[in-house]
Amino acid sequence: MPGQKQDISRLNFACYELRGVVDFKIQNARCLSFPDRGFDVIFCISVYYHLEIPFQVLEEILRILSLKEKIVSGDFNKKGMDIINE
């Protein structure tokens, strides 16, 4: 299933002529392979709702953020997901 989601994402990026702008990786969000302070901005959209232990993931995100530390985050609760599913 994760590979299929990457395929859909790749098609979306190609549709907007953004192929090659993003490198897709599948990793354990509680133990990422990226170095400390390696990113200036991290986008987490519709992620936390699906996690069993969101605080562990958030700690890992904070570890890999640079000192500029910008997180763009958005998520739905169950009601919001039900609306999307309709």
PDB file of N, CA and C in Angstrom:
ATOM      1  N   MET A   1       0.804  -1.205   0.000  1.00  0.00           N
ATOM      2  CA  MET A   1       0.000   0.000   0.000  1.00  0.00           C
ATOM      3  C   MET A   1       0.851   1.276   0.000  1.00  0.00           C
ATOM      4  N   PRO A   2       1.924   1.411   0.820  1.00  0.00           N
ATOM      5  CA  PRO A   2       2.706   2.656   0.787  1.00  0.00           C
ATOM      6  C   PRO A   2       3.278   2.958  -0.594  1.00  0.00           C
ATOM      7  N   GLY A   3       3.728   1.941  -1.319  1.00  0.00           N
ATOM      8  CA  GLY A   3       4.257   2.162  -2.658  1.00  0.00           C
ATOM      9  C   GLY A   3       3.221   2.733  -3.599  1.00  0.00           C
ATOM     10  N   GLN A   4       1.966   2.273  -3.452  1.00  0.00           N
ATOM     11  CA  GLN A   4       0.884   2.787  -4.288  1.00  0.00           C
ATOM     12  C   GLN A   4       0.640   4.266  -4.011  1.00  0.00           C
ATOM     13  N   LYS A   5       0.690   4.652  -2.742  1.00  0.00           N
ATOM     14  CA  LYS A   5       0.492   6.064  -2.399  1.00  0.00           C
ATOM     15  C   LYS A   5       1.607   6.910  -2.988  1.00  0.00           C
ATOM     16  N   GLN A   6       2.819   6.385  -3.002  1.00  0.00           N
ATOM     17  CA  GLN A   6       3.913   7.126  -3.628  1.00  0.00           C
ATOM     18  C   GLN A   6       3.675   7.265  -5.119  1.00  0.00           C
ATOM     19  N   ASP A   7       3.148   6.218  -5.753  1.00  0.00           N
ATOM     20  CA  ASP A   7       2.867   6.291  -7.184  1.00  0.00           C
ATOM     21  C   ASP A   7       1.855   7.395  -7.484  1.00  0.00           C
ATOM     22  N   ILE A   8       0.810   7.498  -6.663  1.00  0.00           N
ATOM     23  CA  ILE A   8      -0.203   8.543  -6.848  1.00  0.00           C
ATOM     24  C   ILE A   8       0.426   9.915  -6.649  1.00  0.00           C
ATOM     25  N   SER A   9       1.262  10.036  -5.622  1.00  0.00           N
ATOM     26  CA  SER A   9       1.936  11.320  -5.383  1.00  0.00           C
ATOM     27  C   SER A   9       2.840  11.690  -6.544  1.00  0.00           C
ATOM     28  N   ARG A  10       3.573  10.718  -7.068  1.00  0.00           N
ATOM     29  CA  ARG A  10       4.453  10.997  -8.214  1.00  0.00           C
ATOM     30  C   ARG A  10       3.648  11.470  -9.423  1.00  0.00           C
ATOM     31  N   LEU A  11       2.494  10.847  -9.655  1.00  0.00           N
ATOM     32  CA  LEU A  11       1.636  11.274 -10.763  1.00  0.00           C
ATOM     33  C   LEU A  11       1.146  12.708 -10.563  1.00  0.00           C
ATOM     34  N   ASN A  12       0.777  13.047  -9.330  1.00  0.00           N
ATOM     35  CA  ASN A  12       0.343  14.417  -9.044  1.00  0.00           C
ATOM     36  C   ASN A  12       1.459  15.418  -9.316  1.00  0.00           C
ATOM     37  N   PHE A  13       2.676  15.090  -8.885  1.00  0.00           N
ATOM     38  CA  PHE A  13       3.801  15.998  -9.126  1.00  0.00           C
ATOM     39  C   PHE A  13       4.102  16.117 -10.620  1.00  0.00           C
ATOM     40  N   ALA A  14       3.995  15.015 -11.345  1.00  0.00           N
ATOM     41  CA  ALA A  14       4.223  15.054 -12.791  1.00  0.00           C
ATOM     42  C   ALA A  14       3.158  15.898 -13.481  1.00  0.00           C
ATOM     43  N   CYS A  15       1.919  15.777 -13.022  1.00  0.00           N
ATOM     44  CA  CYS A  15       0.814  16.552 -13.601  1.00  0.00           C
ATOM     45  C   CYS A  15       1.082  18.049 -13.502  1.00  0.00           C
ATOM     46  N   TYR A  16       1.695  18.472 -12.420  1.00  0.00           N
ATOM     47  CA  TYR A  16       2.003  19.892 -12.219  1.00  0.00           C
ATOM     48  C   TYR A  16       3.431  20.242 -12.647  1.00  0.00           C
ATOM     49  N   GLU A  17       4.027  19.347 -13.426  1.00  0.00           N
ATOM     50  CA  GLU A  17       5.374  19.539 -13.965  1.00  0.00           C
ATOM     51  C   GLU A  17       6.402  19.783 -12.865  1.00  0.00           C
ATOM     52  N   LEU A  18       6.273  19.031 -11.773  1.00  0.00           N
ATOM     53  CA  LEU A  18       7.199  19.151 -10.644  1.00  0.00           C
ATOM     54  C   LEU A  18       7.991  17.862 -10.421  1.00  0.00           C
ATOM     55  N   ARG A  19       8.065  17.029 -11.437  1.00  0.00           N
ATOM     56  CA  ARG A  19       8.819  15.775 -11.331  1.00  0.00           C
ATOM     57  C   ARG A  19      10.277  16.081 -10.999  1.00  0.00           C
ATOM     58  N   GLY A  20      10.844  15.340 -10.082  1.00  0.00           N
ATOM     59  CA  GLY A  20      12.228  15.529  -9.697  1.00  0.00           C
ATOM     60  C   GLY A  20      12.437  16.552  -8.590  1.00  0.00           C
ATOM     61  N   VAL A  21      11.381  17.246  -8.183  1.00  0.00           N
ATOM     62  CA  VAL A  21      11.496  18.244  -7.124  1.00  0.00           C
ATOM     63  C   VAL A  21      11.466  17.583  -5.747  1.00  0.00           C
ATOM     64  N   VAL A  22      10.802  16.441  -5.652  1.00  0.00           N
ATOM     65  CA  VAL A  22      10.624  15.752  -4.371  1.00  0.00           C
ATOM     66  C   VAL A  22      11.227  14.362  -4.456  1.00  0.00           C
ATOM     67  N   ASP A  23      11.870  13.952  -3.382  1.00  0.00           N
ATOM     68  CA  ASP A  23      12.401  12.602  -3.264  1.00  0.00           C
ATOM     69  C   ASP A  23      11.519  11.861  -2.266  1.00  0.00           C
ATOM     70  N   PHE A  24      10.784  10.852  -2.717  1.00  0.00           N
ATOM     71  CA  PHE A  24       9.874  10.109  -1.856  1.00  0.00           C
ATOM     72  C   PHE A  24      10.614   8.990  -1.138  1.00  0.00           C
ATOM     73  N   LYS A  25      10.408   8.895   0.174  1.00  0.00           N
ATOM     74  CA  LYS A  25      11.035   7.846   0.983  1.00  0.00           C
ATOM     75  C   LYS A  25      10.002   7.256   1.933  1.00  0.00           C
ATOM     76  N   ILE A  26      10.101   5.967   2.152  1.00  0.00           N
ATOM     77  CA  ILE A  26       9.269   5.310   3.156  1.00  0.00           C
ATOM     78  C   ILE A  26      10.175   4.981   4.330  1.00  0.00           C
ATOM     79  N   GLN A  27       9.841   5.543   5.501  1.00  0.00           N
ATOM     80  CA  GLN A  27      10.657   5.333   6.701  1.00  0.00           C
ATOM     81  C   GLN A  27       9.766   5.233   7.925  1.00  0.00           C
ATOM     82  N   ASN A  28      10.347   4.735   8.999  1.00  0.00           N
ATOM     83  CA  ASN A  28       9.669   4.727  10.289  1.00  0.00           C
ATOM     84  C   ASN A  28       9.759   6.149  10.844  1.00  0.00           C
ATOM     85  N   ALA A  29       8.616   6.797  11.012  1.00  0.00           N
ATOM     86  CA  ALA A  29       8.601   8.198  11.438  1.00  0.00           C
ATOM     87  C   ALA A  29       9.107   8.399  12.857  1.00  0.00           C
ATOM     88  N   ARG A  30       9.204   7.322  13.633  1.00  0.00           N
ATOM     89  CA  ARG A  30       9.740   7.438  14.996  1.00  0.00           C
ATOM     90  C   ARG A  30      11.248   7.333  15.030  1.00  0.00           C
ATOM     91  N   CYS A  31      11.860   6.998  13.889  1.00  0.00           N
ATOM     92  CA  CYS A  31      13.322   6.835  13.839  1.00  0.00           C
ATOM     93  C   CYS A  31      13.786   7.118  12.410  1.00  0.00           C
ATOM     94  N   LEU A  32      13.821   8.381  12.044  1.00  0.00           N
ATOM     95  CA  LEU A  32      14.173   8.771  10.682  1.00  0.00           C
ATOM     96  C   LEU A  32      15.679   8.709  10.449  1.00  0.00           C
ATOM     97  N   SER A  33      16.073   8.476   9.212  1.00  0.00           N
ATOM     98  CA  SER A  33      17.496   8.340   8.874  1.00  0.00           C
ATOM     99  C   SER A  33      18.176   9.677   8.610  1.00  0.00           C
ATOM    100  N   PHE A  34      17.455  10.772   8.701  1.00  0.00           N
ATOM    101  CA  PHE A  34      18.011  12.082   8.390  1.00  0.00           C
ATOM    102  C   PHE A  34      18.856  12.617   9.544  1.00  0.00           C
ATOM    103  N   PRO A  35      19.861  13.442   9.226  1.00  0.00           N
ATOM    104  CA  PRO A  35      20.727  13.979  10.284  1.00  0.00           C
ATOM    105  C   PRO A  35      20.006  15.026  11.129  1.00  0.00           C
ATOM    106  N   ASP A  36      20.518  15.240  12.330  1.00  0.00           N
ATOM    107  CA  ASP A  36      20.001  16.296  13.198  1.00  0.00           C
ATOM    108  C   ASP A  36      20.066  17.631  12.463  1.00  0.00           C
ATOM    109  N   ARG A  37      19.028  18.432  12.646  1.00  0.00           N
ATOM    110  CA  ARG A  37      18.968  19.797  12.109  1.00  0.00           C
ATOM    111  C   ARG A  37      19.161  19.873  10.603  1.00  0.00           C
ATOM    112  N   GLY A  38      18.715  18.835   9.884  1.00  0.00           N
ATOM    113  CA  GLY A  38      18.943  18.767   8.441  1.00  0.00           C
ATOM    114  C   GLY A  38      17.905  19.452   7.572  1.00  0.00           C
ATOM    115  N   PHE A  39      16.796  19.903   8.152  1.00  0.00           N
ATOM    116  CA  PHE A  39      15.723  20.512   7.361  1.00  0.00           C
ATOM    117  C   PHE A  39      15.322  21.864   7.926  1.00  0.00           C
ATOM    118  N   ASP A  40      15.063  22.805   7.027  1.00  0.00           N
ATOM    119  CA  ASP A  40      14.590  24.125   7.448  1.00  0.00           C
ATOM    120  C   ASP A  40      13.073  24.151   7.610  1.00  0.00           C
ATOM    121  N   VAL A  41      12.361  23.373   6.794  1.00  0.00           N
ATOM    122  CA  VAL A  41      10.899  23.338   6.835  1.00  0.00           C
ATOM    123  C   VAL A  41      10.448  21.892   6.663  1.00  0.00           C
ATOM    124  N   ILE A  42       9.466  21.503   7.450  1.00  0.00           N
ATOM    125  CA  ILE A  42       8.865  20.169   7.324  1.00  0.00           C
ATOM    126  C   ILE A  42       7.356  20.346   7.230  1.00  0.00           C
ATOM    127  N   PHE A  43       6.758  19.699   6.247  1.00  0.00           N
ATOM    128  CA  PHE A  43       5.314  19.697   6.073  1.00  0.00           C
ATOM    129  C   PHE A  43       4.754  18.377   6.589  1.00  0.00           C
ATOM    130  N   CYS A  44       3.782  18.439   7.463  1.00  0.00           N
ATOM    131  CA  CYS A  44       3.082  17.259   7.968  1.00  0.00           C
ATOM    132  C   CYS A  44       1.589  17.489   7.769  1.00  0.00           C
ATOM    133  N   ILE A  45       1.070  16.950   6.709  1.00  0.00           N
ATOM    134  CA  ILE A  45      -0.328  17.169   6.372  1.00  0.00           C
ATOM    135  C   ILE A  45      -1.069  15.831   6.493  1.00  0.00           C
ATOM    136  N   SER A  46      -2.094  15.817   7.296  1.00  0.00           N
ATOM    137  CA  SER A  46      -2.921  14.618   7.524  1.00  0.00           C
ATOM    138  C   SER A  46      -2.065  13.432   7.979  1.00  0.00           C
ATOM    139  N   VAL A  47      -1.209  13.676   8.944  1.00  0.00           N
ATOM    140  CA  VAL A  47      -0.321  12.634   9.456  1.00  0.00           C
ATOM    141  C   VAL A  47      -0.722  12.202  10.870  1.00  0.00           C
ATOM    142  N   TYR A  48      -0.831  13.145  11.778  1.00  0.00           N
ATOM    143  CA  TYR A  48      -0.970  12.823  13.204  1.00  0.00           C
ATOM    144  C   TYR A  48      -2.211  12.002  13.524  1.00  0.00           C
ATOM    145  N   TYR A  49      -3.285  12.226  12.817  1.00  0.00           N
ATOM    146  CA  TYR A  49      -4.531  11.499  13.051  1.00  0.00           C
ATOM    147  C   TYR A  49      -4.321   9.991  12.916  1.00  0.00           C
ATOM    148  N   HIS A  50      -3.401   9.588  12.062  1.00  0.00           N
ATOM    149  CA  HIS A  50      -3.189   8.169  11.755  1.00  0.00           C
ATOM    150  C   HIS A  50      -2.155   7.501  12.661  1.00  0.00           C
ATOM    151  N   LEU A  51      -1.529   8.243  13.550  1.00  0.00           N
ATOM    152  CA  LEU A  51      -0.433   7.699  14.350  1.00  0.00           C
ATOM    153  C   LEU A  51      -0.908   7.192  15.707  1.00  0.00           C
ATOM    154  N   GLU A  52      -0.322   6.064  16.136  1.00  0.00           N
ATOM    155  CA  GLU A  52      -0.617   5.541  17.474  1.00  0.00           C
ATOM    156  C   GLU A  52       0.074   6.370  18.548  1.00  0.00           C
ATOM    157  N   ILE A  53       1.306   6.803  18.277  1.00  0.00           N
ATOM    158  CA  ILE A  53       2.095   7.560  19.248  1.00  0.00           C
ATOM    159  C   ILE A  53       2.598   8.845  18.566  1.00  0.00           C
ATOM    160  N   PRO A  54       1.722   9.844  18.395  1.00  0.00           N
ATOM    161  CA  PRO A  54       2.129  11.044  17.655  1.00  0.00           C
ATOM    162  C   PRO A  54       3.253  11.833  18.310  1.00  0.00           C
ATOM    163  N   PHE A  55       3.373  11.792  19.649  1.00  0.00           N
ATOM    164  CA  PHE A  55       4.417  12.587  20.302  1.00  0.00           C
ATOM    165  C   PHE A  55       5.807  12.074  19.977  1.00  0.00           C
ATOM    166  N   GLN A  56       5.974  10.767  19.777  1.00  0.00           N
ATOM    167  CA  GLN A  56       7.284  10.244  19.374  1.00  0.00           C
ATOM    168  C   GLN A  56       7.660  10.755  17.987  1.00  0.00           C
ATOM    169  N   VAL A  57       6.697  10.815  17.104  1.00  0.00           N
ATOM    170  CA  VAL A  57       6.947  11.320  15.752  1.00  0.00           C
ATOM    171  C   VAL A  57       7.280  12.809  15.805  1.00  0.00           C
ATOM    172  N   LEU A  58       6.549  13.560  16.599  1.00  0.00           N
ATOM    173  CA  LEU A  58       6.817  14.993  16.724  1.00  0.00           C
ATOM    174  C   LEU A  58       8.215  15.244  17.291  1.00  0.00           C
ATOM    175  N   GLU A  59       8.650  14.448  18.260  1.00  0.00           N
ATOM    176  CA  GLU A  59      10.013  14.576  18.791  1.00  0.00           C
ATOM    177  C   GLU A  59      11.049  14.342  17.703  1.00  0.00           C
ATOM    178  N   GLU A  60      10.801  13.378  16.837  1.00  0.00           N
ATOM    179  CA  GLU A  60      11.732  13.079  15.755  1.00  0.00           C
ATOM    180  C   GLU A  60      11.751  14.219  14.737  1.00  0.00           C
ATOM    181  N   ILE A  61      10.595  14.795  14.461  1.00  0.00           N
ATOM    182  CA  ILE A  61      10.528  15.946  13.558  1.00  0.00           C
ATOM    183  C   ILE A  61      11.324  17.108  14.137  1.00  0.00           C
ATOM    184  N   LEU A  62      11.176  17.357  15.420  1.00  0.00           N
ATOM    185  CA  LEU A  62      11.930  18.440  16.059  1.00  0.00           C
ATOM    186  C   LEU A  62      13.431  18.177  16.012  1.00  0.00           C
ATOM    187  N   ARG A  63      13.841  16.930  16.067  1.00  0.00           N
ATOM    188  CA  ARG A  63      15.262  16.579  16.002  1.00  0.00           C
ATOM    189  C   ARG A  63      15.863  16.947  14.650  1.00  0.00           C
ATOM    190  N   ILE A  64      15.115  16.726  13.575  1.00  0.00           N
ATOM    191  CA  ILE A  64      15.696  16.941  12.243  1.00  0.00           C
ATOM    192  C   ILE A  64      15.499  18.364  11.726  1.00  0.00           C
ATOM    193  N   LEU A  65      14.770  19.196  12.457  1.00  0.00           N
ATOM    194  CA  LEU A  65      14.589  20.586  12.052  1.00  0.00           C
ATOM    195  C   LEU A  65      15.819  21.421  12.376  1.00  0.00           C
ATOM    196  N   SER A  66      16.149  22.348  11.481  1.00  0.00           N
ATOM    197  CA  SER A  66      17.251  23.266  11.752  1.00  0.00           C
ATOM    198  C   SER A  66      16.815  24.265  12.815  1.00  0.00           C
ATOM    199  N   LEU A  67      17.707  25.127  13.183  1.00  0.00           N
ATOM    200  CA  LEU A  67      17.379  26.119  14.204  1.00  0.00           C
ATOM    201  C   LEU A  67      16.317  27.113  13.735  1.00  0.00           C
ATOM    202  N   LYS A  68      16.076  27.163  12.424  1.00  0.00           N
ATOM    203  CA  LYS A  68      15.012  28.027  11.902  1.00  0.00           C
ATOM    204  C   LYS A  68      13.636  27.459  12.237  1.00  0.00           C
ATOM    205  N   GLU A  69      13.565  26.181  12.428  1.00  0.00           N
ATOM    206  CA  GLU A  69      12.396  25.423  12.891  1.00  0.00           C
ATOM    207  C   GLU A  69      11.053  25.939  12.411  1.00  0.00           C
ATOM    208  N   LYS A  70      10.666  25.500  11.227  1.00  0.00           N
ATOM    209  CA  LYS A  70       9.332  25.799  10.708  1.00  0.00           C
ATOM    210  C   LYS A  70       8.637  24.482  10.399  1.00  0.00           C
ATOM    211  N   ILE A  71       7.514  24.271  11.030  1.00  0.00           N
ATOM    212  CA  ILE A  71       6.684  23.101  10.757  1.00  0.00           C
ATOM    213  C   ILE A  71       5.358  23.606  10.189  1.00  0.00           C
ATOM    214  N   VAL A  72       4.997  23.096   9.040  1.00  0.00           N
ATOM    215  CA  VAL A  72       3.685  23.386   8.470  1.00  0.00           C
ATOM    216  C   VAL A  72       2.868  22.131   8.696  1.00  0.00           C
ATOM    217  N   SER A  73       1.833  22.254   9.508  1.00  0.00           N
ATOM    218  CA  SER A  73       1.085  21.072   9.925  1.00  0.00           C
ATOM    219  C   SER A  73      -0.409  21.310   9.776  1.00  0.00           C
ATOM    220  N   GLY A  74      -1.091  20.305   9.322  1.00  0.00           N
ATOM    221  CA  GLY A  74      -2.541  20.356   9.226  1.00  0.00           C
ATOM    222  C   GLY A  74      -3.078  18.948   9.362  1.00  0.00           C
ATOM    223  N   ASP A  75      -4.179  18.809  10.033  1.00  0.00           N
ATOM    224  CA  ASP A  75      -4.710  17.467  10.256  1.00  0.00           C
ATOM    225  C   ASP A  75      -6.207  17.537  10.467  1.00  0.00           C
ATOM    226  N   PHE A  76      -6.856  16.420  10.303  1.00  0.00           N
ATOM    227  CA  PHE A  76      -8.287  16.292  10.529  1.00  0.00           C
ATOM    228  C   PHE A  76      -8.533  15.465  11.778  1.00  0.00           C
ATOM    229  N   ASN A  77      -9.642  15.724  12.447  1.00  0.00           N
ATOM    230  CA  ASN A  77     -10.102  14.817  13.493  1.00  0.00           C
ATOM    231  C   ASN A  77     -11.050  13.814  12.829  1.00  0.00           C
ATOM    232  N   LYS A  78     -11.657  12.935  13.603  1.00  0.00           N
ATOM    233  CA  LYS A  78     -12.533  11.917  13.023  1.00  0.00           C
ATOM    234  C   LYS A  78     -13.678  12.547  12.241  1.00  0.00           C
ATOM    235  N   LYS A  79     -14.252  13.605  12.751  1.00  0.00           N
ATOM    236  CA  LYS A  79     -15.368  14.268  12.048  1.00  0.00           C
ATOM    237  C   LYS A  79     -14.916  14.800  10.694  1.00  0.00           C
ATOM    238  N   GLY A  80     -13.755  15.426  10.673  1.00  0.00           N
ATOM    239  CA  GLY A  80     -13.221  15.931   9.412  1.00  0.00           C
ATOM    240  C   GLY A  80     -12.936  14.835   8.416  1.00  0.00           C
ATOM    241  N   MET A  81     -12.397  13.705   8.896  1.00  0.00           N
ATOM    242  CA  MET A  81     -12.123  12.570   8.012  1.00  0.00           C
ATOM    243  C   MET A  81     -13.425  11.996   7.472  1.00  0.00           C
ATOM    244  N   ASP A  82     -14.464  11.951   8.297  1.00  0.00           N
ATOM    245  CA  ASP A  82     -15.766  11.458   7.827  1.00  0.00           C
ATOM    246  C   ASP A  82     -16.309  12.345   6.707  1.00  0.00           C
ATOM    247  N   ILE A  83     -16.115  13.657   6.845  1.00  0.00           N
ATOM    248  CA  ILE A  83     -16.561  14.594   5.807  1.00  0.00           C
ATOM    249  C   ILE A  83     -15.786  14.333   4.509  1.00  0.00           C
ATOM    250  N   ILE A  84     -14.488  14.163   4.611  1.00  0.00           N
ATOM    251  CA  ILE A  84     -13.658  13.882   3.427  1.00  0.00           C
ATOM    252  C   ILE A  84     -14.097  12.586   2.775  1.00  0.00           C
ATOM    253  N   ASN A  85     -14.354  11.555   3.582  1.00  0.00           N
ATOM    254  CA  ASN A  85     -14.741  10.251   3.044  1.00  0.00           C
ATOM    255  C   ASN A  85     -16.088  10.290   2.335  1.00  0.00           C
ATOM    256  N   GLU A  86     -16.964  11.213   2.726  1.00  0.00           N
ATOM    257  CA  GLU A  86     -18.255  11.333   2.037  1.00  0.00           C
ATOM    258  C   GLU A  86     -18.050  11.847   0.634  1.00  0.00           C
TER     259      GLU A  86
END
